[in-house]
Protein backbone atom coordinates (compact mmCIF):
# COMPACT_ATOMS: atom_id res chain seq x y z
CA MET A 1 103.52 -96.35 -156.01
CA LEU A 2 102.58 -97.33 -152.51
CA SER A 3 103.12 -99.93 -150.87
CA LEU A 4 101.75 -100.09 -147.41
CA GLY A 5 101.95 -103.37 -146.15
CA ALA A 6 103.54 -103.93 -142.80
CA SER A 7 103.49 -100.53 -141.95
CA SER A 8 100.42 -99.10 -142.99
CA TYR A 9 96.78 -100.79 -140.71
CA VAL A 10 98.20 -104.26 -141.14
CA LEU A 11 101.09 -103.57 -139.02
CA PRO A 12 101.13 -100.36 -137.68
CA HIS A 13 103.35 -100.51 -135.62
CA LEU A 14 106.61 -102.30 -137.36
CA ARG A 15 108.91 -101.44 -140.14
CA PRO A 16 108.15 -102.55 -143.95
CA GLY A 17 109.04 -106.55 -143.74
CA VAL A 18 109.19 -106.94 -139.90
CA ARG A 19 106.85 -110.39 -138.87
CA LEU A 20 106.11 -110.91 -135.08
CA PRO A 21 107.81 -112.86 -133.60
CA MET A 22 105.54 -116.78 -133.62
CA ARG A 23 106.35 -120.26 -131.38
CA ARG A 24 103.74 -123.18 -131.12
CA LEU A 25 103.54 -124.74 -128.06
CA ARG A 26 102.98 -127.69 -127.44
CA PRO A 27 99.97 -129.32 -125.71
CA THR A 28 99.71 -129.85 -122.17
CA LEU A 29 96.70 -131.27 -120.83
CA CYS A 30 96.19 -134.22 -122.91
CA ALA A 31 99.03 -137.05 -124.89
CA GLU A 32 97.18 -136.57 -128.44
CA ALA A 33 95.89 -133.07 -129.19
CA GLU A 34 93.23 -134.66 -131.57
CA ASP A 35 91.29 -136.83 -128.62
CA ALA A 36 87.98 -135.79 -128.32
CA MET A 37 87.10 -134.09 -124.72
CA SER A 38 83.91 -135.65 -122.04
CA PRO A 39 81.94 -132.87 -120.08
CA PRO A 40 83.38 -132.65 -116.53
CA ASP A 41 82.95 -135.15 -114.01
CA GLU A 42 81.98 -134.21 -110.55
CA ALA A 43 85.42 -133.47 -109.29
CA GLN A 44 86.03 -130.96 -111.91
CA SER A 45 82.81 -128.89 -111.60
CA ALA A 46 83.53 -128.63 -107.85
CA ALA A 47 86.96 -127.21 -108.16
CA LEU A 48 85.21 -124.34 -110.12
CA ALA A 49 83.96 -122.50 -107.25
CA GLU A 50 88.04 -122.04 -106.64
CA ALA A 51 88.46 -121.31 -110.67
CA LEU A 52 90.73 -117.91 -110.21
CA PRO A 53 92.74 -116.87 -112.91
CA SER A 54 96.59 -117.27 -112.05
CA PRO A 55 100.33 -117.06 -113.58
CA ALA A 56 100.73 -121.02 -113.17
CA LEU A 57 97.70 -121.24 -115.85
CA GLN A 58 97.92 -121.79 -119.16
CA PRO A 59 96.02 -120.71 -122.39
CA ARG A 60 94.94 -124.31 -122.18
CA GLU A 61 94.16 -124.74 -118.88
CA ILE A 62 92.04 -121.70 -118.30
CA ILE A 63 89.79 -122.86 -122.08
CA THR A 64 89.40 -125.88 -120.45
CA THR A 65 87.66 -124.12 -117.37
CA LEU A 66 85.49 -122.15 -119.17
CA LEU A 67 84.50 -124.92 -121.29
CA HIS A 68 83.30 -126.69 -117.88
CA ALA A 69 82.16 -123.54 -116.20
CA LEU A 70 79.76 -123.17 -119.60
CA HIS A 71 78.20 -126.94 -119.85
CA LYS A 72 74.68 -126.78 -119.23
CA THR A 73 75.40 -128.97 -116.24
CA ASN A 74 77.44 -125.87 -114.26
CA PHE A 75 75.95 -123.17 -116.22
CA ASP A 76 73.33 -122.54 -113.47
CA ARG A 77 74.59 -124.98 -110.82
CA PRO A 78 75.21 -124.52 -107.78
CA HIS A 79 72.90 -121.51 -108.42
CA PRO A 80 71.72 -119.53 -111.33
CA ARG A 81 74.01 -117.70 -113.52
CA PHE A 82 77.10 -119.69 -111.42
CA GLY A 83 79.10 -120.67 -115.08
CA CYS A 84 78.48 -116.66 -115.72
CA GLU A 85 80.06 -116.09 -112.93
CA VAL A 86 83.39 -118.20 -113.25
CA VAL A 87 83.45 -117.09 -116.88
CA LEU A 88 83.33 -113.44 -116.12
CA ARG A 89 86.28 -114.66 -113.48
CA PHE A 90 88.89 -114.44 -116.33
CA LEU A 91 88.05 -112.21 -118.70
CA SER A 92 90.79 -109.86 -119.44
CA PRO A 93 90.06 -105.93 -117.53
CA SER A 94 90.12 -104.68 -121.76
CA ASN A 95 86.85 -106.93 -122.89
CA PRO A 96 84.02 -105.00 -121.93
CA ALA A 97 82.19 -108.34 -121.52
CA SER A 98 83.86 -108.27 -117.54
CA ARG A 99 82.12 -105.74 -117.24
CA ALA A 100 79.18 -107.09 -117.15
CA SER A 101 76.90 -108.73 -114.57
CA PRO A 102 76.60 -112.83 -114.54
CA GLN A 103 72.74 -111.93 -115.49
CA ARG A 104 73.32 -109.95 -118.35
CA PHE A 105 76.08 -112.69 -119.67
CA GLY A 106 73.50 -115.39 -119.98
CA GLU A 107 70.92 -112.99 -121.65
CA TYR A 108 73.61 -112.78 -124.12
CA LEU A 109 74.88 -116.61 -124.37
CA SER A 110 70.74 -117.66 -124.53
CA GLN A 111 70.73 -116.79 -128.17
CA PRO A 112 70.98 -119.44 -130.32
CA TRP A 113 74.08 -119.28 -131.93
CA TYR A 114 75.95 -119.99 -128.51
CA ASN A 115 74.29 -123.33 -127.99
CA ALA A 116 77.36 -124.66 -128.99
CA LEU A 117 78.85 -123.53 -125.55
CA LEU A 118 76.36 -124.48 -123.66
CA SER A 119 75.30 -127.45 -124.72
CA TRP A 120 78.22 -129.43 -126.12
CA ALA A 121 79.31 -132.98 -125.84
CA GLN A 122 83.06 -132.79 -127.26
CA PHE A 123 85.94 -130.57 -127.52
CA LYS A 124 89.09 -131.19 -128.35
CA TRP A 125 91.72 -128.70 -129.76
CA GLU A 126 92.49 -128.11 -132.95
CA GLY A 127 96.99 -127.23 -133.40
CA ASP A 128 98.63 -125.62 -130.97
CA VAL A 129 98.97 -123.11 -129.21
CA VAL A 130 100.00 -120.43 -131.12
CA LEU A 131 101.91 -117.21 -128.44
CA LEU A 132 103.20 -114.43 -130.38
CA GLU A 133 105.22 -110.94 -128.78
CA ASP A 134 106.83 -113.60 -126.32
CA GLY A 135 103.88 -114.77 -125.28
CA ALA A 136 102.38 -111.94 -124.37
CA GLU A 137 99.95 -113.39 -126.55
CA ALA A 138 98.19 -116.57 -127.34
CA TYR A 139 96.07 -118.01 -129.84
CA GLN A 140 94.11 -122.20 -129.62
CA GLN A 141 91.27 -122.90 -132.21
CA VAL A 142 88.86 -125.33 -130.00
CA GLY A 143 86.68 -127.78 -131.82
CA VAL A 144 83.31 -128.15 -130.18
CA ARG A 145 79.59 -130.68 -130.45
CA GLU A 146 76.61 -131.80 -129.09
CA ALA A 147 76.95 -135.38 -129.94
CA PRO A 148 79.90 -137.74 -131.49
CA ASN A 149 77.47 -137.94 -134.45
CA GLU A 150 77.94 -133.76 -135.67
CA ARG A 151 79.54 -131.49 -137.16
CA TRP A 152 82.50 -129.94 -135.12
CA THR A 153 82.20 -126.37 -134.48
CA SER A 154 84.65 -123.83 -134.37
CA VAL A 155 86.14 -121.65 -131.39
CA ARG A 156 88.32 -119.18 -131.65
CA TRP A 157 89.93 -118.27 -128.03
CA ILE A 158 92.28 -114.77 -127.57
CA MET A 159 94.56 -113.95 -124.83
CA LYS A 160 96.29 -112.06 -123.77
CA ARG A 161 98.66 -111.46 -120.14
CA VAL A 162 98.09 -108.87 -118.05
CA PRO A 163 99.72 -108.00 -114.63
CA SER A 164 97.97 -110.53 -111.88
CA PRO A 165 95.94 -108.59 -108.93
CA ALA A 166 97.90 -110.89 -106.79
CA ASP A 167 101.25 -109.63 -107.63
CA GLU A 168 102.00 -106.87 -110.21
CA ALA A 169 104.94 -108.35 -110.82
CA SER A 170 103.84 -111.05 -112.27
CA GLU A 171 101.42 -111.46 -115.66
CA GLN A 172 98.31 -114.12 -115.83
CA TYR A 173 96.35 -115.35 -119.31
CA MET A 174 92.78 -113.86 -119.23
CA VAL A 175 90.61 -114.09 -122.59
CA GLU A 176 90.62 -111.19 -124.56
CA ALA A 177 88.21 -112.69 -127.35
CA VAL A 178 86.22 -115.68 -128.13
CA ILE A 179 84.79 -116.03 -131.31
CA VAL A 180 82.30 -118.82 -132.39
CA GLU A 181 81.42 -120.02 -135.76
CA GLU A 182 78.93 -122.22 -136.86
CA PRO A 183 79.14 -125.41 -138.55
CA ASP A 184 77.73 -123.51 -141.96
CA GLY A 185 79.93 -120.34 -141.01
CA ASP A 186 76.69 -118.05 -141.13
CA GLU A 187 76.86 -116.33 -138.17
CA GLN A 188 79.70 -115.48 -135.61
CA MET A 189 79.61 -113.92 -132.37
CA SER A 190 82.31 -112.38 -130.78
CA TRP A 191 83.73 -111.65 -126.55
CA SER A 192 85.28 -108.58 -127.86
CA PRO A 193 86.66 -105.51 -127.23
CA SER A 194 86.58 -104.36 -130.39
CA LEU A 195 82.44 -104.36 -130.77
CA GLY A 196 82.28 -103.52 -127.14
CA ASN A 197 80.09 -105.86 -125.09
CA VAL A 198 79.27 -109.32 -125.36
CA ALA A 199 77.26 -109.35 -129.47
CA ASP A 200 77.39 -111.87 -132.39
CA GLU A 201 79.09 -110.52 -135.48
CA VAL A 202 76.64 -111.59 -138.66
CA GLY A 203 79.49 -112.67 -141.46
CA ALA A 204 78.67 -113.73 -145.44
CA ALA A 205 78.48 -117.18 -145.49
CA GLN A 206 81.18 -119.55 -145.97
CA ALA A 207 80.52 -122.45 -148.56
CA SER A 208 81.29 -125.75 -146.38
CA GLU A 209 84.47 -126.97 -149.01
CA PRO A 210 87.57 -124.80 -147.38
CA GLU A 211 87.65 -121.66 -149.18
CA ALA A 212 90.14 -120.38 -151.78
CA PRO A 213 91.79 -116.69 -150.63
CA GLY A 214 90.24 -115.12 -153.25
CA ASP A 215 86.54 -116.28 -151.98
CA VAL A 216 88.53 -113.97 -148.64
CA VAL A 217 89.43 -111.62 -150.31
CA LEU A 218 86.62 -110.78 -151.67
CA ARG A 219 84.54 -110.71 -148.87
CA VAL A 220 86.40 -108.51 -146.97
CA MET A 221 86.35 -105.59 -150.02
CA ARG A 222 82.72 -106.08 -150.33
CA ALA A 223 82.50 -105.43 -146.52
CA LEU A 224 85.30 -102.18 -146.52
CA ARG A 225 83.15 -100.71 -149.33
CA HIS A 226 79.27 -100.66 -147.41
CA VAL A 227 81.26 -100.43 -144.49
CA ASP A 228 78.23 -99.37 -142.65
CA GLU A 229 75.64 -101.90 -144.18
CA PRO A 230 74.36 -103.42 -142.69
CA THR A 231 75.42 -101.74 -138.83
CA PRO A 232 77.82 -98.86 -138.15
CA LEU A 233 81.50 -100.43 -138.90
CA HIS A 234 80.42 -103.89 -139.25
CA GLY A 235 82.63 -103.47 -142.28
CA CYS A 236 85.97 -102.83 -140.34
CA GLU A 237 84.49 -105.94 -137.95
CA VAL A 238 84.77 -108.40 -141.09
CA ALA A 239 88.12 -107.08 -141.98
CA ILE A 240 89.51 -107.34 -138.35
CA ARG A 241 87.60 -110.66 -137.90
CA GLN A 242 89.53 -112.34 -141.51
CA CYS A 243 92.92 -111.14 -139.83
CA SER A 244 95.70 -114.06 -138.96
CA PRO A 245 97.02 -113.76 -135.26
CA ALA A 246 99.90 -112.12 -137.51
CA ASN A 247 98.37 -109.05 -138.12
CA ALA A 248 98.43 -106.53 -135.63
CA ALA A 249 95.38 -105.43 -137.01
CA SER A 250 93.38 -108.55 -135.40
CA ARG A 251 93.79 -106.29 -132.43
CA LEU A 252 91.98 -102.66 -133.54
CA SER A 253 88.98 -102.05 -132.52
CA PRO A 254 86.30 -100.95 -135.04
CA GLU A 255 86.81 -96.90 -134.63
CA ALA A 256 90.32 -97.73 -134.60
CA PHE A 257 90.48 -99.91 -137.79
CA LEU A 258 87.94 -96.98 -139.38
CA GLN A 259 90.78 -94.41 -138.90
CA TYR A 260 93.53 -95.89 -140.76
CA LEU A 261 90.65 -96.66 -143.65
CA ARG A 262 90.51 -92.47 -144.42
CA GLU A 263 93.58 -91.97 -144.63
CA PRO A 264 93.98 -90.71 -148.46
CA TRP A 265 95.68 -94.50 -149.83
CA TYR A 266 93.51 -96.78 -148.17
CA VAL A 267 89.68 -94.83 -149.33
CA ILE A 268 89.93 -96.42 -152.44
CA LEU A 269 89.43 -99.65 -150.55
CA THR A 270 86.39 -97.58 -149.21
CA GLU A 271 85.24 -95.97 -152.45
CA TRP A 272 85.74 -98.24 -155.23
CA ASP A 273 83.21 -98.83 -157.72
CA GLU A 274 84.67 -101.77 -160.13
CA ILE A 275 86.39 -104.65 -159.09
CA GLU A 276 88.66 -107.71 -160.70
CA LEU A 277 90.33 -110.51 -159.52
CA GLU A 278 93.50 -111.30 -160.76
CA ASP A 279 94.16 -115.24 -161.16
CA GLU A 280 94.96 -118.03 -158.41
CA ALA A 281 96.56 -116.47 -155.20
CA GLU A 282 100.50 -117.55 -155.94
CA PRO A 283 102.60 -119.50 -153.96
CA LEU A 284 104.70 -117.97 -151.76
CA ASN A 285 106.36 -121.44 -150.01
CA ASP A 286 106.78 -124.80 -150.38
CA ASP A 287 103.71 -125.87 -148.41
CA GLY A 288 101.44 -123.78 -150.15
CA GLY A 289 100.53 -121.93 -146.31
CA LEU A 290 101.29 -118.34 -147.67
CA VAL A 291 99.89 -117.07 -150.03
CA SER A 292 100.08 -113.55 -152.65
CA GLN A 293 96.52 -112.50 -154.09
CA ASP A 294 96.25 -109.44 -156.55
CA VAL A 295 92.99 -108.00 -157.19
CA LEU A 296 92.32 -104.84 -159.41
CA VAL A 297 89.69 -101.88 -158.38
CA ARG A 298 88.88 -98.43 -159.58
CA ARG A 299 86.40 -95.51 -158.84
CA GLN A 300 84.27 -94.38 -162.06
CA GLY A 301 85.50 -92.16 -163.97
CA ASP A 302 89.00 -93.04 -163.55
CA ASP A 303 91.17 -93.99 -166.09
CA SER A 304 93.10 -96.84 -164.45
CA TRP A 305 93.34 -99.89 -161.73
CA THR A 306 94.26 -99.91 -158.85
CA ILE A 307 96.10 -103.13 -157.64
CA VAL A 308 95.56 -104.02 -153.90
CA ASN A 309 97.42 -107.22 -153.52
CA TRP A 310 97.12 -109.43 -150.27
CA GLN A 311 99.74 -112.13 -148.44
CA LEU A 312 97.41 -114.75 -146.61
CA SER A 313 98.06 -117.00 -144.24
CA ARG A 314 96.13 -120.17 -144.01
CA HIS A 315 95.40 -121.14 -140.04
CA ASN A 316 93.45 -124.62 -138.85
CA GLY A 317 91.79 -124.70 -142.52
CA LEU A 318 91.06 -120.81 -142.87
CA TRP A 319 93.20 -118.29 -145.19
CA LEU A 320 93.11 -115.58 -142.27
CA THR A 321 95.21 -111.78 -143.81
CA ASP A 322 98.54 -110.86 -143.38
CA SER A 323 98.92 -107.90 -145.41
CA LEU A 324 98.48 -105.81 -147.69
CA THR A 325 99.98 -103.47 -150.83
CA ILE A 326 98.47 -100.77 -152.77
CA THR A 327 99.95 -100.10 -156.31
CA GLU A 328 98.41 -96.65 -158.06
């Protein structure tokens, strides 16, 4: 039996069984986290001209600034692609999008699935800020919508602390990736270093009803089985996107993820010919927010099945992967 959960690609830098420390930062910008925010007023729009990263800025302040910059009232005001200029100031150096020109960045944002970020009428915080590794990384889910009666589009902001150019002894939050999921779940985009540029991520459709853990497991397993379809490393991108914030694989590039899949004990994930999902996921805690899900796979001609056990946790209503264990 090979138990590869926390010590494998899922958590490559940790000992088996060790979980990343996680704590939540209480809201600082509004009294009620569920209150919907309105488009920027004139004073907030004027402040964008001087907006810069700073060790004093918290994740929600940065997100608010960038949503104001991207809003249609500021995107091309006071000059073309002004909003893109502001956003680029706040992108982490490790995010290749930080090296794009405002014009090029604007071209990517002109694609239809980005429209929710440019024409939003309201936004709201979905859950608290999640801090990992003593605040070295921060995650915040945000809902945006184009009219008060329309559905919310979910946006996940991922930030990391990097040295401040003004004072290398200090660190400041900068944007590592932004993942936008359309209301029907058909398409996602990411300003993500794992993709090498600002690109759209087209994944499998998610049902309008909340997904079960087994649905997520099957999506990832099928994506890994056809890892280069419809585009190179697409299966790795899908798997990374379905990792929880506490899973170190969520910060891997598709190329690095592929290297783990080439190790002999992982090859079954890319070579199986038959798959069977076991019974419903087993709750691992009292509130049902952590579950275990088994799936059986085997190659054509194999005498026995390989068991892949997934542990998943719920984040803002979505099931994401914490770890997996392979048993032959």
